[in-house]
Amino acid sequence: SNATAYGIGLHVYGSYNDIVQKAPILSSGLYGIGIRVDGSSNSLTVADDTKVSVDGKGGIGVLVSYGKEQAVKILGSVRASGYQGDAVRFDFGDNNLGNKTEYRGSFIRSKFNENQNDFEKLALLPELDGALVDDFIAGGVIAGHGSAVTIAKNAYVKNIHIVNGAEIYGDIVSQWDPDNDLLQYQGNDKLVTTITFGENFKAGKLGTADHDFSFSYDGNITGANSIVLNLLAGNTALNGKYDVRAVNIQEDARLEGNATFNLEGVVNLSSSSLVSTYALGNTAQGSFTNAGTLSPGGKNKLGQISINGDYFGLDGSVLELGYDTVSNDVLKVSYIAELGDVKLSLAPVKDYYKDNFTRVIALNSLIEAGSLTVNGSLSLNDPAFLSPTLQSATSLNGNEMTVSVARKANAYSQYAEDRNSRNLGLALEVASGNADGSLGEVFKQ
């Protein structure tokens, strides 16, 4: 491991380079950099089974620090385990002469006019007139002591793709602000960063759904003005705090976990907006749209998803909610929650259920909102409830659900392999119907 301070393992200059890193890069020096990319339209890949490890204080695993339209793929591992180390960083840095007279970045270039006491926008250099990074593909291990990914306020990253194989440890932080007054951009598109979960990168074409996608992330994402979360397909579990601009769950995607989504701004569209004016994929601040499946907590465990913003359950979307004998999952919405033709999927989680257990659950105890409106028709969706001994049922009456749990016939004795074990199973079936105290723990499932 190289102990040189401020050292760089691989420095990429020029443009239109296609580079695959297959050898390990190891550094323990202060503020070391594993790979630094400058120029324009370069493609960098950290290959499978390739390690980039930067262990010194303030180190950066992969840094993109200049240019436009870069592509970065991490399929191996990039780690920055030193104090305040960033695994991946997109940052033009500061001007040695100071940032008041000129501040350069992707889509940003200006100088301060002292006579007018204001910033004057300047024409961009050709090598800066575009996103610093068009596509960042995370398909390996990305771990940082400071953060997993940092986007500086002067660096526009267009797309981040989380694909199968990704393991991310540390926060994702974006300081980029598409509404910055110094932004040098004449187009109509909003310069937001879209983080997409569930693309089939191995199929060779981004944008293709990967129905086998599975990803769990316990870190936080900060980018209230700039980041939009797009769940395309597969299963994503998020268990953290997400200060983002908007969230969209596509038809083939499922989101679960215990998470808080703080959405900058509030849409607060009028009643009936759901089918008339609102569409999946909107990047308006404050919007959380669901066309797929949303599951607070996750399978076989209770939890809560909190949305500080507005929630729109589009036609055909599923709310997957669990319950036990006294509690249930909760979707908590601070402002408007509007439901179209939504399917409710209620399944019991691990608990002890007496024979013929029945419970009535009101919709407003499952969805706690400042204003809850059902613009469509609620229906029941068969839950994916797998138990060797229990079976559940749900009936819908208006905005109330009656749930019931019963034991299957020969619940325990059916698994017997001999006479003695069958007799034990029969005894358990008698005892299981109304077990009190600690005996109930035996029958939790």
Protein backbone atom coordinates (compact mmCIF):
# COMPACT_ATOMS: atom_id res chain seq x y z
CA SER A 1 0.00 0.00 0.00
CA ASN A 2 1.48 3.33 -1.11
CA ALA A 3 1.91 5.77 1.82
CA THR A 4 2.59 8.87 -0.33
CA ALA A 5 0.55 11.88 0.74
CA TYR A 6 -1.61 13.43 -2.01
CA GLY A 7 -0.65 10.59 -4.33
CA ILE A 8 -2.75 9.46 -7.31
CA GLY A 9 -2.83 5.84 -8.41
CA LEU A 10 -4.24 6.41 -11.92
CA HIS A 11 -4.70 9.85 -13.50
CA VAL A 12 -6.75 9.96 -16.71
CA TYR A 13 -6.16 12.89 -19.05
CA GLY A 14 -7.54 13.57 -22.49
CA SER A 15 -10.88 12.67 -24.03
CA TYR A 16 -12.70 9.66 -25.45
CA ASN A 17 -10.61 7.16 -23.50
CA ASP A 18 -12.10 3.76 -22.65
CA ILE A 19 -10.28 2.49 -19.57
CA VAL A 20 -10.77 -0.74 -17.61
CA GLN A 21 -8.90 -0.95 -14.30
CA LYS A 22 -8.06 -4.60 -13.59
CA ALA A 23 -5.14 -4.27 -11.17
CA PRO A 24 -5.59 -3.27 -7.50
CA ILE A 25 -4.80 0.25 -6.37
CA LEU A 26 -3.92 0.53 -2.67
CA SER A 27 -3.09 3.76 -0.83
CA SER A 28 -2.64 4.70 2.83
CA GLY A 29 -1.29 8.24 2.40
CA LEU A 30 -3.05 11.39 3.53
CA TYR A 31 -5.54 12.75 0.95
CA GLY A 32 -4.58 10.09 -1.57
CA ILE A 33 -6.68 9.45 -4.66
CA GLY A 34 -7.11 6.02 -6.20
CA ILE A 35 -8.29 7.14 -9.67
CA ARG A 36 -8.73 10.69 -10.94
CA VAL A 37 -10.51 11.45 -14.22
CA ASP A 38 -10.19 14.68 -16.23
CA GLY A 39 -10.87 15.46 -19.86
CA SER A 40 -14.17 14.79 -21.60
CA SER A 41 -16.26 11.81 -22.70
CA ASN A 42 -14.09 9.24 -20.94
CA SER A 43 -15.33 5.81 -19.85
CA LEU A 44 -13.82 4.31 -16.71
CA THR A 45 -14.60 0.80 -15.42
CA VAL A 46 -13.38 -0.73 -12.18
CA ALA A 47 -13.63 -4.36 -13.22
CA ASP A 48 -15.07 -7.31 -11.30
CA ASP A 49 -12.80 -8.53 -8.49
CA THR A 50 -10.68 -5.36 -8.74
CA LYS A 51 -9.99 -3.43 -5.56
CA VAL A 52 -9.40 0.31 -5.18
CA SER A 53 -8.68 0.98 -1.50
CA VAL A 54 -7.74 4.37 -0.08
CA ASP A 55 -7.18 4.25 3.67
CA GLY A 56 -5.57 7.61 4.47
CA LYS A 57 -7.33 10.61 6.00
CA GLY A 58 -9.41 12.53 3.44
CA GLY A 59 -8.75 9.98 0.73
CA ILE A 60 -10.93 9.56 -2.37
CA GLY A 61 -11.36 6.25 -4.15
CA VAL A 62 -12.56 7.58 -7.53
CA LEU A 63 -12.62 11.31 -8.32
CA VAL A 64 -14.04 12.92 -11.46
CA SER A 65 -12.78 16.49 -11.35
CA TYR A 66 -13.11 18.05 -14.81
CA GLY A 67 -14.79 17.84 -18.18
CA LYS A 68 -18.17 16.60 -19.32
CA GLU A 69 -20.10 13.49 -20.38
CA GLN A 70 -17.97 11.03 -18.42
CA ALA A 71 -19.13 7.47 -17.71
CA VAL A 72 -18.03 5.62 -14.57
CA LYS A 73 -18.76 1.93 -13.84
CA ILE A 74 -17.84 0.32 -10.53
CA LEU A 75 -18.20 -3.45 -10.74
CA GLY A 76 -15.38 -4.32 -8.32
CA SER A 77 -14.87 -2.51 -5.01
CA VAL A 78 -13.97 1.07 -4.16
CA ARG A 79 -13.32 1.88 -0.50
CA ALA A 80 -12.19 4.98 1.35
CA SER A 81 -11.89 3.87 4.97
CA GLY A 82 -9.80 6.77 6.26
CA TYR A 83 -11.27 9.62 8.31
CA GLN A 84 -13.54 11.78 6.08
CA GLY A 85 -12.76 9.60 3.10
CA ASP A 86 -15.17 9.55 0.12
CA ALA A 87 -15.40 6.40 -1.95
CA VAL A 88 -16.61 8.29 -5.04
CA ARG A 89 -16.55 12.06 -5.49
CA PHE A 90 -17.63 14.32 -8.37
CA ASP A 91 -16.09 17.75 -7.80
CA PHE A 92 -14.39 20.46 -9.89
CA GLY A 93 -12.76 21.83 -6.76
CA ASP A 94 -12.01 25.46 -5.97
CA ASN A 95 -10.23 28.13 -7.95
CA ASN A 96 -6.78 28.93 -6.53
CA LEU A 97 -7.49 32.62 -7.11
CA GLY A 98 -10.74 32.39 -5.20
CA ASN A 99 -14.33 31.66 -6.16
CA LYS A 100 -15.61 35.25 -6.10
CA THR A 101 -14.02 36.26 -9.40
CA GLU A 102 -14.70 33.00 -11.21
CA TYR A 103 -16.40 29.77 -10.27
CA ARG A 104 -16.14 26.92 -12.74
CA GLY A 105 -18.18 23.81 -12.84
CA SER A 106 -20.47 21.73 -14.97
CA PHE A 107 -23.04 24.20 -16.32
CA ILE A 108 -21.58 26.90 -14.03
CA ARG A 109 -19.18 29.66 -15.00
CA SER A 110 -19.39 33.20 -13.75
CA LYS A 111 -17.40 36.11 -12.38
CA PHE A 112 -18.22 38.81 -9.88
CA ASN A 113 -18.68 42.28 -11.38
CA GLU A 114 -17.77 44.68 -8.62
CA ASN A 115 -19.18 47.67 -10.53
CA GLN A 116 -22.60 46.06 -10.71
CA ASN A 117 -22.22 44.22 -7.41
CA ASP A 118 -23.48 41.07 -9.09
CA PHE A 119 -22.34 37.83 -10.72
CA GLU A 120 -21.97 37.91 -14.49
CA LYS A 121 -22.58 34.72 -16.42
CA LEU A 122 -19.86 33.81 -18.92
CA ALA A 123 -19.83 31.50 -21.92
CA LEU A 124 -18.79 27.99 -21.00
CA LEU A 125 -15.71 26.31 -22.37
CA PRO A 126 -16.65 23.56 -24.88
CA GLU A 127 -15.23 20.86 -22.60
CA LEU A 128 -17.52 22.01 -19.79
CA ASP A 129 -20.78 22.53 -21.69
CA GLY A 130 -22.57 19.42 -20.47
CA ALA A 131 -23.02 17.18 -17.47
CA LEU A 132 -19.76 16.30 -15.72
CA VAL A 133 -20.99 12.68 -15.60
CA ASP A 134 -23.75 11.31 -17.80
CA ASP A 135 -23.90 7.84 -16.25
CA PHE A 136 -22.50 6.48 -13.00
CA ILE A 137 -23.15 2.75 -12.68
CA ALA A 138 -22.89 1.17 -9.23
CA GLY A 139 -22.68 -2.60 -9.51
CA GLY A 140 -20.03 -3.43 -6.92
CA VAL A 141 -18.94 -2.46 -3.41
CA ILE A 142 -18.81 1.28 -2.67
CA ALA A 143 -17.87 2.19 0.90
CA GLY A 144 -16.73 5.48 2.39
CA HIS A 145 -16.04 6.70 5.92
CA GLY A 146 -17.18 10.22 5.00
CA SER A 147 -19.66 9.24 2.31
CA ALA A 148 -20.13 6.59 -0.32
CA VAL A 149 -20.86 9.16 -3.04
CA THR A 150 -20.49 12.95 -2.95
CA ILE A 151 -21.67 15.34 -5.67
CA ALA A 152 -20.25 18.83 -5.15
CA LYS A 153 -22.25 21.99 -5.80
CA ASN A 154 -20.28 22.61 -9.00
CA ALA A 155 -20.74 19.14 -10.52
CA TYR A 156 -23.81 18.00 -12.42
CA VAL A 157 -24.29 14.22 -12.46
CA LYS A 158 -27.16 13.25 -14.73
CA ASN A 159 -27.81 9.59 -13.87
CA ILE A 160 -26.83 7.17 -11.13
CA HIS A 161 -27.74 3.55 -11.85
CA ILE A 162 -27.94 1.07 -8.95
CA VAL A 163 -27.77 -2.40 -10.52
CA ASN A 164 -27.60 -5.97 -9.21
CA GLY A 165 -24.42 -6.64 -7.29
CA ALA A 166 -24.29 -3.19 -5.71
CA GLU A 167 -23.36 -2.88 -2.03
CA ILE A 168 -23.26 0.69 -0.77
CA TYR A 169 -21.98 1.59 2.69
CA GLY A 170 -22.13 5.27 3.62
CA ASP A 171 -24.33 8.18 2.62
CA ILE A 172 -25.03 9.57 -0.84
CA VAL A 173 -24.73 13.36 -0.71
CA SER A 174 -25.49 15.91 -3.43
CA GLN A 175 -24.81 19.62 -3.01
CA TRP A 176 -25.84 20.35 -6.61
CA ASP A 177 -28.76 22.78 -6.92
CA PRO A 178 -30.50 23.03 -10.32
CA ASP A 179 -32.09 26.30 -9.17
CA ASN A 180 -28.74 27.95 -8.43
CA ASP A 181 -28.80 31.55 -9.68
CA LEU A 182 -25.31 31.08 -11.10
CA LEU A 183 -26.36 28.15 -13.27
CA GLN A 184 -25.22 28.63 -16.85
CA TYR A 185 -27.81 26.68 -18.77
CA GLN A 186 -30.21 27.70 -21.53
CA GLY A 187 -32.25 24.50 -21.95
CA ASN A 188 -35.70 23.61 -20.66
CA ASP A 189 -34.88 20.36 -18.87
CA LYS A 190 -34.52 20.41 -15.12
CA LEU A 191 -30.93 19.49 -14.28
CA VAL A 192 -31.73 16.91 -11.62
CA THR A 193 -29.86 13.74 -10.73
CA THR A 194 -31.95 10.59 -11.21
CA ILE A 195 -30.99 7.57 -9.12
CA THR A 196 -32.53 4.48 -10.74
CA PHE A 197 -32.86 1.11 -8.99
CA GLY A 198 -33.39 -2.12 -10.90
CA GLU A 199 -31.94 -1.77 -14.41
CA ASN A 200 -30.63 -4.85 -16.18
CA PHE A 201 -27.12 -3.59 -16.82
CA LYS A 202 -25.86 -7.08 -17.71
CA ALA A 203 -28.30 -7.15 -20.59
CA GLY A 204 -26.15 -4.38 -22.05
CA LYS A 205 -28.82 -1.73 -22.20
CA LEU A 206 -29.62 0.71 -19.44
CA GLY A 207 -33.32 1.34 -19.02
CA THR A 208 -34.23 -2.35 -19.30
CA ALA A 209 -36.02 -3.71 -16.23
CA ASP A 210 -34.26 -6.34 -14.11
CA HIS A 211 -37.02 -8.30 -12.41
CA ASP A 212 -34.44 -10.23 -10.35
CA PHE A 213 -32.99 -7.03 -8.92
CA SER A 214 -32.56 -7.04 -5.13
CA PHE A 215 -30.88 -4.27 -3.15
CA SER A 216 -30.84 -3.21 0.49
CA TYR A 217 -29.46 0.11 1.71
CA ASP A 218 -29.27 1.43 5.27
CA GLY A 219 -27.55 4.72 4.49
CA ASN A 220 -29.02 8.18 3.94
CA ILE A 221 -29.45 10.17 0.73
CA THR A 222 -29.22 13.97 0.86
CA GLY A 223 -30.16 16.02 -2.19
CA ALA A 224 -33.39 17.85 -1.48
CA ASN A 225 -33.19 20.07 -4.54
CA SER A 226 -31.54 17.77 -7.00
CA ILE A 227 -32.12 14.03 -6.47
CA VAL A 228 -35.07 12.05 -7.84
CA LEU A 229 -35.40 8.39 -6.83
CA ASN A 230 -36.70 6.15 -9.62
CA LEU A 231 -37.51 2.51 -8.82
CA LEU A 232 -37.74 0.68 -12.13
CA ALA A 233 -38.03 -3.01 -11.21
CA GLY A 234 -37.24 -5.69 -8.64
CA ASN A 235 -37.09 -5.24 -4.87
CA THR A 236 -35.45 -2.30 -3.11
CA ALA A 237 -35.23 -2.03 0.69
CA LEU A 238 -34.43 1.44 2.06
CA ASN A 239 -33.90 1.95 5.78
CA GLY A 240 -32.72 5.48 6.37
CA LYS A 241 -33.48 9.16 5.84
CA TYR A 242 -33.94 10.47 2.32
CA ASP A 243 -33.98 14.22 1.71
CA VAL A 244 -34.79 14.15 -1.99
CA ARG A 245 -36.80 16.01 -4.58
CA ALA A 246 -39.25 13.28 -5.62
CA VAL A 247 -39.80 9.51 -5.58
CA ASN A 248 -41.34 7.37 -8.34
CA ILE A 249 -42.12 3.64 -7.98
CA GLN A 250 -42.63 2.08 -11.41
CA GLU A 251 -45.15 -0.67 -12.15
CA ASP A 252 -42.64 -3.56 -11.85
CA ALA A 253 -40.88 -2.26 -8.74
CA ARG A 254 -41.33 -2.90 -5.03
CA LEU A 255 -40.09 -0.63 -2.23
CA GLU A 256 -39.95 -1.78 1.37
CA GLY A 257 -38.30 -0.76 4.63
CA ASN A 258 -38.40 1.65 7.53
CA ALA A 259 -37.63 5.00 5.97
CA THR A 260 -38.36 8.71 6.15
CA PHE A 261 -38.68 10.67 2.92
CA ASN A 262 -38.34 14.42 3.37
CA LEU A 263 -39.45 15.85 0.04
CA GLU A 264 -38.47 19.47 -0.52
CA GLY A 265 -41.56 21.54 -1.22
CA VAL A 266 -45.12 20.25 -1.29
CA VAL A 267 -47.23 19.60 -4.39
CA ASN A 268 -50.64 19.85 -2.70
CA LEU A 269 -52.62 19.32 -5.88
CA SER A 270 -56.37 19.65 -5.70
CA SER A 271 -58.73 16.73 -5.19
CA SER A 272 -59.22 14.56 -8.29
CA SER A 273 -55.73 15.54 -9.45
CA LEU A 274 -54.67 11.91 -9.33
CA VAL A 275 -56.08 10.81 -12.67
CA SER A 276 -56.49 14.18 -14.35
CA THR A 277 -53.16 15.93 -13.95
CA TYR A 278 -50.64 13.79 -12.12
CA ALA A 279 -48.30 11.37 -13.88
CA LEU A 280 -45.64 8.92 -12.86
CA GLY A 281 -42.14 10.25 -13.41
CA ASN A 282 -42.91 13.80 -12.39
CA THR A 283 -39.92 15.49 -10.77
CA ALA A 284 -41.96 18.17 -9.02
CA GLN A 285 -40.65 18.79 -5.54
CA GLY A 286 -42.70 17.09 -2.87
CA SER A 287 -44.17 14.25 -4.95
CA PHE A 288 -44.12 10.55 -4.09
CA THR A 289 -45.89 8.50 -6.77
CA ASN A 290 -46.50 4.76 -6.64
CA ALA A 291 -47.47 2.65 -9.63
CA GLY A 292 -45.89 -0.50 -8.23
CA THR A 293 -45.77 -1.90 -4.70
CA LEU A 294 -45.02 -0.06 -1.46
CA SER A 295 -44.45 -2.13 1.69
CA PRO A 296 -43.66 -0.36 4.98
CA GLY A 297 -41.50 -2.61 7.10
CA GLY A 298 -41.16 -5.42 4.62
CA LYS A 299 -42.13 -9.06 4.53
CA ASN A 300 -42.98 -10.61 7.90
CA LYS A 301 -42.05 -7.54 9.97
CA LEU A 302 -43.91 -4.39 10.94
CA GLY A 303 -42.60 -0.96 10.11
CA GLN A 304 -43.37 2.56 8.99
CA ILE A 305 -42.63 4.67 5.94
CA SER A 306 -43.00 8.41 6.58
CA ILE A 307 -43.44 10.88 3.72
CA ASN A 308 -43.03 14.58 4.40
CA GLY A 309 -44.80 15.59 1.22
CA ASP A 310 -47.66 14.27 -0.91
CA TYR A 311 -48.37 10.63 -1.77
CA PHE A 312 -50.18 9.47 -4.91
CA GLY A 313 -51.18 5.82 -5.24
CA LEU A 314 -51.82 5.45 -8.96
CA ASP A 315 -54.29 3.04 -10.54
CA GLY A 316 -53.12 -0.57 -10.16
CA SER A 317 -50.60 0.18 -7.44
CA VAL A 318 -50.32 -2.06 -4.39
CA LEU A 319 -50.03 -1.17 -0.72
CA GLU A 320 -48.54 -4.21 0.99
CA LEU A 321 -49.24 -3.97 4.72
CA GLY A 322 -48.63 -6.33 7.60
CA TYR A 323 -50.43 -6.75 10.90
CA ASP A 324 -50.25 -8.76 14.11
CA THR A 325 -52.74 -9.15 16.94
CA VAL A 326 -52.54 -5.49 18.04
CA SER A 327 -50.42 -3.47 15.56
CA ASN A 328 -49.94 -2.92 11.83
CA ASP A 329 -47.71 -1.28 9.27
CA VAL A 330 -48.19 2.45 8.78
CA LEU A 331 -47.78 4.72 5.78
CA LYS A 332 -47.53 8.20 7.30
CA VAL A 333 -48.06 11.18 4.98
CA SER A 334 -47.74 14.72 6.29
CA TYR A 335 -49.92 16.34 3.61
CA ILE A 336 -52.11 14.85 0.88
CA ALA A 337 -52.52 11.13 0.29
CA GLU A 338 -54.60 10.33 -2.80
CA LEU A 339 -55.50 6.80 -3.87
CA GLY A 340 -56.79 5.71 -7.25
CA ASP A 341 -57.82 2.11 -8.00
CA VAL A 342 -55.44 0.74 -5.38
CA LYS A 343 -54.97 -2.87 -4.30
CA LEU A 344 -54.54 -3.53 -0.59
CA SER A 345 -52.51 -6.57 0.43
CA LEU A 346 -52.76 -7.42 4.13
CA ALA A 347 -50.76 -10.29 5.60
CA PRO A 348 -50.15 -11.37 9.20
CA VAL A 349 -46.58 -11.16 10.49
CA LYS A 350 -44.92 -13.46 13.01
CA ASP A 351 -47.06 -13.59 16.16
CA TYR A 352 -49.22 -15.97 18.14
CA TYR A 353 -52.76 -16.14 16.76
CA LYS A 354 -55.48 -17.93 18.71
CA ASP A 355 -58.01 -20.03 16.86
CA ASN A 356 -60.44 -17.99 14.78
CA PHE A 357 -58.53 -14.74 15.33
CA THR A 358 -60.36 -11.76 13.83
CA ARG A 359 -59.54 -8.05 13.77
CA VAL A 360 -61.03 -4.98 12.08
CA ILE A 361 -58.49 -2.48 10.71
CA ALA A 362 -59.57 0.94 9.45
CA LEU A 363 -57.88 2.45 6.38
CA ASN A 364 -56.88 5.58 8.30
CA SER A 365 -54.92 3.46 10.78
CA LEU A 366 -52.91 2.03 7.88
CA ILE A 367 -52.52 5.38 6.12
CA GLU A 368 -52.12 8.34 8.46
CA ALA A 369 -52.33 11.50 6.38
CA GLY A 370 -53.09 15.18 6.71
CA SER A 371 -55.76 14.61 4.06
CA LEU A 372 -56.70 11.13 2.79
CA THR A 373 -58.78 10.88 -0.40
CA VAL A 374 -59.88 7.76 -2.27
CA ASN A 375 -60.59 8.76 -5.87
CA GLY A 376 -60.88 5.21 -7.14
CA SER A 377 -61.98 1.82 -5.87
CA LEU A 378 -60.07 -0.09 -3.23
CA SER A 379 -59.71 -3.82 -3.81
CA LEU A 380 -57.95 -6.69 -2.11
CA ASN A 381 -54.81 -8.31 -3.44
CA ASP A 382 -53.85 -11.83 -2.30
CA PRO A 383 -50.80 -11.41 -0.05
CA ALA A 384 -47.66 -13.46 -0.43
CA PHE A 385 -48.13 -15.09 2.97
CA LEU A 386 -46.26 -18.34 3.40
CA SER A 387 -46.84 -20.29 6.59
CA PRO A 388 -46.69 -24.06 7.07
CA THR A 389 -49.52 -23.98 9.62
CA LEU A 390 -51.55 -20.77 9.20
CA GLN A 391 -53.89 -19.35 6.59
CA SER A 392 -55.26 -15.83 6.44
CA ALA A 393 -58.21 -14.07 4.85
CA THR A 394 -59.27 -10.44 4.39
CA SER A 395 -62.62 -8.88 3.58
CA LEU A 396 -63.25 -5.26 2.62
CA ASN A 397 -66.20 -3.17 3.74
CA GLY A 398 -65.88 0.43 2.65
CA ASN A 399 -62.70 1.75 4.25
CA GLU A 400 -62.48 -1.05 6.79
CA MET A 401 -60.73 -4.40 6.47
CA THR A 402 -61.63 -7.47 8.50
CA VAL A 403 -58.67 -9.81 8.79
CA SER A 404 -58.73 -13.35 10.12
CA VAL A 405 -56.13 -16.02 10.81
CA ALA A 406 -56.83 -19.74 11.25
CA ARG A 407 -54.78 -22.90 11.51
CA LYS A 408 -54.74 -25.28 8.63
CA ALA A 409 -56.22 -28.74 9.06
CA ASN A 410 -53.73 -31.09 10.68
CA ALA A 411 -51.47 -28.08 11.11
CA TYR A 412 -48.69 -29.96 12.91
CA SER A 413 -49.49 -33.64 12.61
CA GLN A 414 -49.28 -33.50 8.81
CA TYR A 415 -45.51 -33.28 9.12
CA ALA A 416 -45.18 -36.40 11.29
CA GLU A 417 -42.93 -39.20 10.10
CA ASP A 418 -44.01 -41.82 12.65
CA ARG A 419 -46.76 -42.57 15.17
CA ASN A 420 -45.11 -40.84 18.11
CA SER A 421 -44.47 -37.62 16.26
CA ARG A 422 -48.02 -37.69 14.92
CA ASN A 423 -49.38 -37.95 18.46
CA LEU A 424 -47.19 -34.98 19.41
CA GLY A 425 -48.57 -33.04 16.47
CA LEU A 426 -52.15 -33.79 17.52
CA ALA A 427 -51.38 -32.60 21.05
CA LEU A 428 -49.90 -29.37 19.69
CA GLU A 429 -53.01 -28.79 17.60
CA VAL A 430 -55.16 -29.00 20.73
CA ALA A 431 -52.87 -26.70 22.74
CA SER A 432 -52.31 -24.15 19.98
CA GLY A 433 -55.86 -22.89 19.82
CA ASN A 434 -55.83 -20.98 23.11
CA ALA A 435 -52.33 -20.91 24.55
CA ASP A 436 -51.72 -18.41 27.34
CA GLY A 437 -48.57 -16.72 28.56
CA SER A 438 -45.21 -18.14 27.58
CA LEU A 439 -46.84 -21.12 25.87
CA GLY A 440 -48.02 -18.75 23.14
CA GLU A 441 -44.37 -18.09 22.25
CA VAL A 442 -44.11 -21.71 21.13
CA PHE A 443 -46.71 -21.15 18.42
CA LYS A 444 -45.45 -17.82 17.04
CA GLN A 445 -45.05 -18.07 13.27
